[in-house]
């Protein structure tokens, strides 16, 4: 990857305050096309605040966000989605009283005829079939072939629904906040394989994870935040494992 390549996403001097608390203090980073960038740090490091700014939930007090080198005003999640950014949060943002397919297409329902949009007839079979196809790629089995309510599913099944939804609709960037935290070993491996396939298909990924083994499996770079500040970055390899841990806990910095 050329150092001169225009990043698909750039954050410059991002600062965000909540009252007297500075959650982000002049944080900068770049995300390149087809790159998997791991965002590391302990609880309270500023990771969630940063991705919520990128996803349009929080507006920065200072600094800017650029997409393809142009300033982007991300004032809502709809703004972020319009720019091709999809996010899976730890709380998953699912509707427990809807099925997997209904959650998958919530707000983006397929209708017939298409020009009538929400006034048309819902294409329930098409939406259910597409949801099943994507979940099959994750090798996740859902009750009653996607007809069961999400609120009755296991944590791993719920996570898979949220990840598949983001993957389906993202065109530029997918942000994953601890995507394997509630998954078993097999489902975690499948999600990590999917992350790798995203990069191969031209989608850049920001991955938040406390699992350094997973980070070393899929990420090209790892950026570390601590107490709302950018600490440094390193290539996530076994040789750099101790260096990354040291940055996370406050024992050193690296910018390689």
C-alpha atoms as a PDB file:
ATOM      1  CA  UNK A   1       0.000   0.000   0.000  1.00  0.00           C
ATOM      2  CA  UNK A   2       1.479   3.310  -1.060  1.00  0.00           C
ATOM      3  CA  UNK A   3       1.989   5.893   1.674  1.00  0.00           C
ATOM      4  CA  UNK A   4       0.801   8.498  -0.839  1.00  0.00           C
ATOM      5  CA  UNK A   5      -2.490   6.730  -1.576  1.00  0.00           C
ATOM      6  CA  UNK A   6      -5.588   8.768  -0.774  1.00  0.00           C
ATOM      7  CA  UNK A   7      -7.257   7.156   2.260  1.00  0.00           C
ATOM      8  CA  UNK A   8     -10.887   6.128   1.966  1.00  0.00           C
ATOM      9  CA  UNK A   9     -11.364   7.608   5.447  1.00  0.00           C
ATOM     10  CA  UNK A  10      -9.284  10.110   7.372  1.00  0.00           C
ATOM     11  CA  UNK A  11      -9.891  11.486  10.856  1.00  0.00           C
ATOM     12  CA  UNK A  12      -7.984  14.670  11.691  1.00  0.00           C
ATOM     13  CA  UNK A  13      -7.537  15.969  15.248  1.00  0.00           C
ATOM     14  CA  UNK A  14     -10.867  14.550  16.410  1.00  0.00           C
ATOM     15  CA  UNK A  15     -11.903  16.048  19.752  1.00  0.00           C
ATOM     16  CA  UNK A  16     -15.087  15.221  21.613  1.00  0.00           C
ATOM     17  CA  UNK A  17     -16.090  16.369  25.088  1.00  0.00           C
ATOM     18  CA  UNK A  18     -18.927  15.287  27.336  1.00  0.00           C
ATOM     19  CA  UNK A  19     -19.119  18.001  29.968  1.00  0.00           C
ATOM     20  CA  UNK A  20     -15.790  18.053  31.798  1.00  0.00           C
ATOM     21  CA  UNK A  21     -14.714  14.729  30.278  1.00  0.00           C
ATOM     22  CA  UNK A  22     -12.626  14.749  27.095  1.00  0.00           C
ATOM     23  CA  UNK A  23     -13.451  11.452  25.408  1.00  0.00           C
ATOM     24  CA  UNK A  24     -11.298  12.167  22.337  1.00  0.00           C
ATOM     25  CA  UNK A  25      -8.275  14.447  22.428  1.00  0.00           C
ATOM     26  CA  UNK A  26      -6.980  15.358  18.936  1.00  0.00           C
ATOM     27  CA  UNK A  27      -7.108  11.815  17.570  1.00  0.00           C
ATOM     28  CA  UNK A  28      -6.036  11.270  13.968  1.00  0.00           C
ATOM     29  CA  UNK A  29      -5.986   8.135  11.850  1.00  0.00           C
ATOM     30  CA  UNK A  30      -6.256   6.945   8.269  1.00  0.00           C
ATOM     31  CA  UNK A  31      -8.069   3.984   6.741  1.00  0.00           C
ATOM     32  CA  UNK A  32      -7.049   2.874   3.270  1.00  0.00           C
ATOM     33  CA  UNK A  33      -8.982   1.052   0.583  1.00  0.00           C
ATOM     34  CA  UNK A  34      -9.213  -2.725   1.182  1.00  0.00           C
ATOM     35  CA  UNK A  35      -7.537  -2.362   4.569  1.00  0.00           C
ATOM     36  CA  UNK A  36      -8.550  -3.955   7.864  1.00  0.00           C
ATOM     37  CA  UNK A  37      -7.620  -1.508  10.599  1.00  0.00           C
ATOM     38  CA  UNK A  38      -7.817  -2.703  14.205  1.00  0.00           C
ATOM     39  CA  UNK A  39      -8.687  -0.108  16.836  1.00  0.00           C
ATOM     40  CA  UNK A  40      -7.315  -1.158  20.210  1.00  0.00           C
ATOM     41  CA  UNK A  41      -7.446   0.166  23.755  1.00  0.00           C
ATOM     42  CA  UNK A  42      -8.834  -0.559  27.195  1.00  0.00           C
ATOM     43  CA  UNK A  43     -12.331   0.446  28.266  1.00  0.00           C
ATOM     44  CA  UNK A  44     -12.568   4.238  28.292  1.00  0.00           C
ATOM     45  CA  UNK A  45      -9.830   4.669  25.689  1.00  0.00           C
ATOM     46  CA  UNK A  46     -12.174   6.485  23.307  1.00  0.00           C
ATOM     47  CA  UNK A  47     -12.753   3.736  20.757  1.00  0.00           C
ATOM     48  CA  UNK A  48     -16.548   3.749  20.921  1.00  0.00           C
ATOM     49  CA  UNK A  49     -16.723   7.540  20.848  1.00  0.00           C
ATOM     50  CA  UNK A  50     -14.543   7.601  17.744  1.00  0.00           C
ATOM     51  CA  UNK A  51     -16.562   5.058  15.805  1.00  0.00           C
ATOM     52  CA  UNK A  52     -19.797   6.792  16.802  1.00  0.00           C
ATOM     53  CA  UNK A  53     -18.409   9.996  15.301  1.00  0.00           C
ATOM     54  CA  UNK A  54     -17.519   8.109  12.116  1.00  0.00           C
ATOM     55  CA  UNK A  55     -20.995   6.553  12.126  1.00  0.00           C
ATOM     56  CA  UNK A  56     -22.821   9.874  12.524  1.00  0.00           C
ATOM     57  CA  UNK A  57     -24.074   9.418  16.093  1.00  0.00           C
ATOM     58  CA  UNK A  58     -21.700  11.929  17.700  1.00  0.00           C
ATOM     59  CA  UNK A  59     -20.599  15.207  16.129  1.00  0.00           C
ATOM     60  CA  UNK A  60     -17.045  16.275  16.860  1.00  0.00           C
ATOM     61  CA  UNK A  61     -16.388  19.410  18.889  1.00  0.00           C
ATOM     62  CA  UNK A  62     -13.163  19.932  16.940  1.00  0.00           C
ATOM     63  CA  UNK A  63     -11.435  18.216  14.052  1.00  0.00           C
ATOM     64  CA  UNK A  64     -12.831  16.758  10.848  1.00  0.00           C
ATOM     65  CA  UNK A  65     -13.649  13.546   9.038  1.00  0.00           C
ATOM     66  CA  UNK A  66     -12.787  13.137   5.369  1.00  0.00           C
ATOM     67  CA  UNK A  67     -13.939  10.515   2.901  1.00  0.00           C
ATOM     68  CA  UNK A  68     -11.826  10.194  -0.240  1.00  0.00           C
ATOM     69  CA  UNK A  69      -9.976  13.369   0.828  1.00  0.00           C
ATOM     70  CA  UNK A  70     -13.177  15.438   0.904  1.00  0.00           C
ATOM     71  CA  UNK A  71     -14.763  16.772   4.083  1.00  0.00           C
ATOM     72  CA  UNK A  72     -17.790  14.739   5.173  1.00  0.00           C
ATOM     73  CA  UNK A  73     -20.582  16.110   7.340  1.00  0.00           C
ATOM     74  CA  UNK A  74     -21.829  13.043   9.182  1.00  0.00           C
ATOM     75  CA  UNK A  75     -24.657  14.507  11.233  1.00  0.00           C
ATOM     76  CA  UNK A  76     -26.680  11.309  11.537  1.00  0.00           C
ATOM     77  CA  UNK A  77     -26.390   7.574  10.919  1.00  0.00           C
ATOM     78  CA  UNK A  78     -28.336   8.158   7.695  1.00  0.00           C
ATOM     79  CA  UNK A  79     -25.560  10.492   6.512  1.00  0.00           C
ATOM     80  CA  UNK A  80     -22.978   7.812   7.239  1.00  0.00           C
ATOM     81  CA  UNK A  81     -24.969   5.106   5.475  1.00  0.00           C
ATOM     82  CA  UNK A  82     -25.378   7.399   2.465  1.00  0.00           C
ATOM     83  CA  UNK A  83     -21.574   7.561   2.292  1.00  0.00           C
ATOM     84  CA  UNK A  84     -21.309   3.772   2.372  1.00  0.00           C
ATOM     85  CA  UNK A  85     -20.508   3.348   6.084  1.00  0.00           C
ATOM     86  CA  UNK A  86     -22.243   0.572   8.028  1.00  0.00           C
ATOM     87  CA  UNK A  87     -21.653  -0.119  11.715  1.00  0.00           C
ATOM     88  CA  UNK A  88     -22.312  -3.037  14.044  1.00  0.00           C
ATOM     89  CA  UNK A  89     -22.323  -1.906  17.677  1.00  0.00           C
ATOM     90  CA  UNK A  90     -21.956  -4.072  20.741  1.00  0.00           C
ATOM     91  CA  UNK A  91     -25.655  -3.575  21.554  1.00  0.00           C
ATOM     92  CA  UNK A  92     -26.425  -4.760  17.970  1.00  0.00           C
ATOM     93  CA  UNK A  93     -29.414  -2.359  17.553  1.00  0.00           C
ATOM     94  CA  UNK A  94     -31.828  -5.143  16.690  1.00  0.00           C
ATOM     95  CA  UNK A  95     -35.615  -5.258  17.112  1.00  0.00           C
ATOM     96  CA  UNK A  96     -36.411  -8.181  19.404  1.00  0.00           C
ATOM     97  CA  UNK A  97     -40.028  -8.380  18.203  1.00  0.00           C
ATOM     98  CA  UNK A  98     -39.050  -8.859  14.537  1.00  0.00           C
ATOM     99  CA  UNK A  99     -37.591 -11.816  12.674  1.00  0.00           C
ATOM    100  CA  UNK A 100     -34.052 -11.964  11.344  1.00  0.00           C
ATOM    101  CA  UNK A 101     -35.167 -11.052   7.833  1.00  0.00           C
ATOM    102  CA  UNK A 102     -37.311  -8.175   9.101  1.00  0.00           C
ATOM    103  CA  UNK A 103     -34.369  -6.859  11.116  1.00  0.00           C
ATOM    104  CA  UNK A 104     -32.090  -7.311   8.147  1.00  0.00           C
ATOM    105  CA  UNK A 105     -34.165  -5.030   5.917  1.00  0.00           C
ATOM    106  CA  UNK A 106     -35.577  -2.683   8.585  1.00  0.00           C
ATOM    107  CA  UNK A 107     -35.852   0.742   6.966  1.00  0.00           C
ATOM    108  CA  UNK A 108     -34.752  -0.678   3.609  1.00  0.00           C
ATOM    109  CA  UNK A 109     -37.604  -3.035   2.820  1.00  0.00           C
ATOM    110  CA  UNK A 110     -37.892  -4.488  -0.671  1.00  0.00           C
ATOM    111  CA  UNK A 111     -41.272  -3.686  -2.230  1.00  0.00           C
ATOM    112  CA  UNK A 112     -43.098  -4.387  -5.471  1.00  0.00           C
ATOM    113  CA  UNK A 113     -43.352  -2.310  -7.597  1.00  0.00           C
ATOM    114  CA  UNK A 114     -40.095  -0.732  -6.461  1.00  0.00           C
ATOM    115  CA  UNK A 115     -41.006   2.834  -7.449  1.00  0.00           C
ATOM    116  CA  UNK A 116     -43.746   2.850  -4.799  1.00  0.00           C
ATOM    117  CA  UNK A 117     -41.162   2.087  -2.085  1.00  0.00           C
ATOM    118  CA  UNK A 118     -42.924   1.797   1.276  1.00  0.00           C
ATOM    119  CA  UNK A 119     -46.346   2.027  -0.346  1.00  0.00           C
ATOM    120  CA  UNK A 120     -45.765  -1.156  -2.350  1.00  0.00           C
ATOM    121  CA  UNK A 121     -46.144  -4.799  -1.355  1.00  0.00           C
ATOM    122  CA  UNK A 122     -43.317  -6.245   0.710  1.00  0.00           C
ATOM    123  CA  UNK A 123     -41.204  -8.909  -1.008  1.00  0.00           C
ATOM    124  CA  UNK A 124     -41.100 -11.112   2.073  1.00  0.00           C
ATOM    125  CA  UNK A 125     -39.849 -14.238   0.325  1.00  0.00           C
ATOM    126  CA  UNK A 126     -37.023 -12.410  -1.428  1.00  0.00           C
ATOM    127  CA  UNK A 127     -35.900 -10.722   1.795  1.00  0.00           C
ATOM    128  CA  UNK A 128     -36.029 -14.002   3.738  1.00  0.00           C
ATOM    129  CA  UNK A 129     -34.084 -15.860   1.027  1.00  0.00           C
ATOM    130  CA  UNK A 130     -31.340 -13.211   0.882  1.00  0.00           C
ATOM    131  CA  UNK A 131     -31.050 -13.164   4.669  1.00  0.00           C
ATOM    132  CA  UNK A 132     -30.757 -16.946   4.745  1.00  0.00           C
ATOM    133  CA  UNK A 133     -28.072 -16.898   2.038  1.00  0.00           C
ATOM    134  CA  UNK A 134     -25.863 -14.442   3.908  1.00  0.00           C
ATOM    135  CA  UNK A 135     -26.300 -16.200   7.231  1.00  0.00           C
ATOM    136  CA  UNK A 136     -25.426 -19.496   5.560  1.00  0.00           C
ATOM    137  CA  UNK A 137     -22.096 -17.927   4.596  1.00  0.00           C
ATOM    138  CA  UNK A 138     -21.507 -17.450   8.321  1.00  0.00           C
ATOM    139  CA  UNK A 139     -22.603 -21.052   8.944  1.00  0.00           C
ATOM    140  CA  UNK A 140     -25.129 -19.854  11.514  1.00  0.00           C
ATOM    141  CA  UNK A 141     -28.321 -21.829  11.955  1.00  0.00           C
ATOM    142  CA  UNK A 142     -31.375 -19.825  12.960  1.00  0.00           C
ATOM    143  CA  UNK A 143     -34.668 -21.160  14.300  1.00  0.00           C
ATOM    144  CA  UNK A 144     -37.401 -21.844  11.752  1.00  0.00           C
ATOM    145  CA  UNK A 145     -35.241 -20.653   8.855  1.00  0.00           C
ATOM    146  CA  UNK A 146     -35.231 -16.959   9.843  1.00  0.00           C
ATOM    147  CA  UNK A 147     -38.868 -16.944  10.924  1.00  0.00           C
ATOM    148  CA  UNK A 148     -38.126 -16.892  14.666  1.00  0.00           C
ATOM    149  CA  UNK A 149     -38.097 -13.660  16.605  1.00  0.00           C
ATOM    150  CA  UNK A 150     -34.649 -12.182  17.207  1.00  0.00           C
ATOM    151  CA  UNK A 151     -35.496 -11.720  20.887  1.00  0.00           C
ATOM    152  CA  UNK A 152     -35.658 -15.515  21.274  1.00  0.00           C
ATOM    153  CA  UNK A 153     -32.292 -16.177  19.617  1.00  0.00           C
ATOM    154  CA  UNK A 154     -28.964 -16.854  21.271  1.00  0.00           C
ATOM    155  CA  UNK A 155     -26.362 -14.125  21.584  1.00  0.00           C
ATOM    156  CA  UNK A 156     -24.331 -15.651  18.780  1.00  0.00           C
ATOM    157  CA  UNK A 157     -27.296 -15.837  16.444  1.00  0.00           C
ATOM    158  CA  UNK A 158     -28.205 -12.212  17.167  1.00  0.00           C
ATOM    159  CA  UNK A 159     -24.621 -11.120  16.487  1.00  0.00           C
ATOM    160  CA  UNK A 160     -24.617 -12.969  13.180  1.00  0.00           C
ATOM    161  CA  UNK A 161     -27.799 -11.198  12.072  1.00  0.00           C
ATOM    162  CA  UNK A 162     -26.276  -7.787  12.844  1.00  0.00           C
ATOM    163  CA  UNK A 163     -22.970  -8.550  11.100  1.00  0.00           C
ATOM    164  CA  UNK A 164     -24.670  -9.937   8.004  1.00  0.00           C
ATOM    165  CA  UNK A 165     -26.912  -6.874   7.785  1.00  0.00           C
ATOM    166  CA  UNK A 166     -23.948  -4.489   7.847  1.00  0.00           C
ATOM    167  CA  UNK A 167     -21.960  -6.541   5.366  1.00  0.00           C
ATOM    168  CA  UNK A 168     -24.842  -6.620   2.918  1.00  0.00           C
ATOM    169  CA  UNK A 169     -25.447  -2.879   2.770  1.00  0.00           C
ATOM    170  CA  UNK A 170     -21.951  -1.399   3.152  1.00  0.00           C
ATOM    171  CA  UNK A 171     -20.349  -0.068  -0.032  1.00  0.00           C
ATOM    172  CA  UNK A 172     -17.175   1.549   1.355  1.00  0.00           C
ATOM    173  CA  UNK A 173     -16.560   0.929   5.053  1.00  0.00           C
ATOM    174  CA  UNK A 174     -17.744  -1.544   7.685  1.00  0.00           C
ATOM    175  CA  UNK A 175     -17.163  -0.733  11.358  1.00  0.00           C
ATOM    176  CA  UNK A 176     -17.316  -3.746  13.675  1.00  0.00           C
ATOM    177  CA  UNK A 177     -17.382  -3.208  17.439  1.00  0.00           C
ATOM    178  CA  UNK A 178     -16.325  -6.475  19.112  1.00  0.00           C
ATOM    179  CA  UNK A 179     -18.075  -8.582  16.428  1.00  0.00           C
ATOM    180  CA  UNK A 180     -17.120 -11.960  17.940  1.00  0.00           C
ATOM    181  CA  UNK A 181     -17.663 -11.144  21.616  1.00  0.00           C
ATOM    182  CA  UNK A 182     -20.853 -13.231  21.892  1.00  0.00           C
ATOM    183  CA  UNK A 183     -19.899 -15.948  19.402  1.00  0.00           C
ATOM    184  CA  UNK A 184     -18.619 -19.467  19.786  1.00  0.00           C
ATOM    185  CA  UNK A 185     -15.347 -20.616  18.266  1.00  0.00           C
ATOM    186  CA  UNK A 186     -16.806 -21.808  14.959  1.00  0.00           C
ATOM    187  CA  UNK A 187     -18.963 -18.704  14.471  1.00  0.00           C
ATOM    188  CA  UNK A 188     -16.030 -16.445  15.391  1.00  0.00           C
ATOM    189  CA  UNK A 189     -13.844 -18.077  12.752  1.00  0.00           C
ATOM    190  CA  UNK A 190     -16.547 -17.590  10.145  1.00  0.00           C
ATOM    191  CA  UNK A 191     -16.971 -13.905  11.009  1.00  0.00           C
ATOM    192  CA  UNK A 192     -13.209 -13.379  10.757  1.00  0.00           C
ATOM    193  CA  UNK A 193     -13.178 -15.097   7.367  1.00  0.00           C
ATOM    194  CA  UNK A 194     -15.958 -12.771   6.276  1.00  0.00           C
ATOM    195  CA  UNK A 195     -13.908  -9.762   7.410  1.00  0.00           C
ATOM    196  CA  UNK A 196     -11.082 -10.955   5.166  1.00  0.00           C
ATOM    197  CA  UNK A 197     -13.452 -11.350   2.224  1.00  0.00           C
ATOM    198  CA  UNK A 198     -14.697  -7.795   2.699  1.00  0.00           C
ATOM    199  CA  UNK A 199     -11.224  -6.435   2.095  1.00  0.00           C
ATOM    200  CA  UNK A 200     -10.855  -8.625  -0.980  1.00  0.00           C
ATOM    201  CA  UNK A 201     -14.045  -7.102  -2.389  1.00  0.00           C
ATOM    202  CA  UNK A 202     -12.916  -3.518  -1.955  1.00  0.00           C
ATOM    203  CA  UNK A 203     -14.509  -2.724   1.416  1.00  0.00           C
ATOM    204  CA  UNK A 204     -12.358  -1.217   4.159  1.00  0.00           C
ATOM    205  CA  UNK A 205     -12.902  -2.382   7.738  1.00  0.00           C
ATOM    206  CA  UNK A 206     -12.434  -0.831  11.166  1.00  0.00           C
ATOM    207  CA  UNK A 207     -12.354  -3.592  13.756  1.00  0.00           C
ATOM    208  CA  UNK A 208     -12.590  -3.017  17.501  1.00  0.00           C
ATOM    209  CA  UNK A 209     -11.495  -6.069  19.448  1.00  0.00           C
ATOM    210  CA  UNK A 210      -9.918  -6.970  22.768  1.00  0.00           C
ATOM    211  CA  UNK A 211      -8.754 -10.260  21.274  1.00  0.00           C
ATOM    212  CA  UNK A 212      -5.252  -9.715  19.916  1.00  0.00           C
ATOM    213  CA  UNK A 213      -5.168 -13.212  18.441  1.00  0.00           C
ATOM    214  CA  UNK A 214      -8.144 -12.311  16.255  1.00  0.00           C
ATOM    215  CA  UNK A 215      -6.584  -8.965  15.358  1.00  0.00           C
ATOM    216  CA  UNK A 216      -3.395 -10.670  14.209  1.00  0.00           C
ATOM    217  CA  UNK A 217      -5.489 -13.010  12.059  1.00  0.00           C
ATOM    218  CA  UNK A 218      -7.234 -10.364   9.950  1.00  0.00           C
ATOM    219  CA  UNK A 219      -5.838  -6.844  10.509  1.00  0.00           C
ATOM    220  CA  UNK A 220      -3.234  -5.046   8.400  1.00  0.00           C
ATOM    221  CA  UNK A 221      -2.558  -2.364  11.013  1.00  0.00           C
ATOM    222  CA  UNK A 222      -3.458  -1.730  14.625  1.00  0.00           C
ATOM    223  CA  UNK A 223      -3.980   1.756  16.084  1.00  0.00           C
ATOM    224  CA  UNK A 224      -3.965   2.119  19.863  1.00  0.00           C
ATOM    225  CA  UNK A 225      -5.921   4.715  21.857  1.00  0.00           C
ATOM    226  CA  UNK A 226      -5.452   5.373  25.564  1.00  0.00           C
ATOM    227  CA  UNK A 227      -7.425   7.834  27.689  1.00  0.00           C
ATOM    228  CA  UNK A 228      -8.861   9.464  24.585  1.00  0.00           C
ATOM    229  CA  UNK A 229      -5.516   9.988  22.868  1.00  0.00           C
ATOM    230  CA  UNK A 230      -3.736   8.391  19.941  1.00  0.00           C
ATOM    231  CA  UNK A 231      -0.803   6.422  21.377  1.00  0.00           C
ATOM    232  CA  UNK A 232       0.689   4.850  18.283  1.00  0.00           C
ATOM    233  CA  UNK A 233       0.345   1.974  15.869  1.00  0.00           C
ATOM    234  CA  UNK A 234       2.079  -1.231  14.873  1.00  0.00           C
ATOM    235  CA  UNK A 235       1.651  -4.104  12.469  1.00  0.00           C
ATOM    236  CA  UNK A 236      -0.324  -6.790  14.327  1.00  0.00           C
ATOM    237  CA  UNK A 237       2.115  -9.683  14.195  1.00  0.00           C
ATOM    238  CA  UNK A 238       3.244 -12.129  16.871  1.00  0.00           C
ATOM    239  CA  UNK A 239       6.534 -10.238  17.028  1.00  0.00           C
ATOM    240  CA  UNK A 240       4.649  -7.046  17.941  1.00  0.00           C
ATOM    241  CA  UNK A 241       2.280  -8.661  20.446  1.00  0.00           C
ATOM    242  CA  UNK A 242       4.114  -7.406  23.519  1.00  0.00           C
ATOM    243  CA  UNK A 243       4.550  -3.958  21.979  1.00  0.00           C
ATOM    244  CA  UNK A 244       0.819  -3.647  21.357  1.00  0.00           C
ATOM    245  CA  UNK A 245      -0.004  -4.815  24.878  1.00  0.00           C
ATOM    246  CA  UNK A 246       2.481  -2.289  26.257  1.00  0.00           C
ATOM    247  CA  UNK A 247       0.833   0.535  24.336  1.00  0.00           C
ATOM    248  CA  UNK A 248      -2.622  -0.529  25.482  1.00  0.00           C
ATOM    249  CA  UNK A 249      -1.701  -0.602  29.172  1.00  0.00           C
ATOM    250  CA  UNK A 250       0.559   2.458  29.057  1.00  0.00           C
ATOM    251  CA  UNK A 251       4.010   0.956  29.000  1.00  0.00           C
ATOM    252  CA  UNK A 252       5.279   2.361  25.704  1.00  0.00           C
ATOM    253  CA  UNK A 253       4.548   3.702  22.266  1.00  0.00           C
ATOM    254  CA  UNK A 254       5.224   2.577  18.721  1.00  0.00           C
ATOM    255  CA  UNK A 255       4.592   4.324  15.423  1.00  0.00           C
ATOM    256  CA  UNK A 256       5.730   1.706  12.942  1.00  0.00           C
END
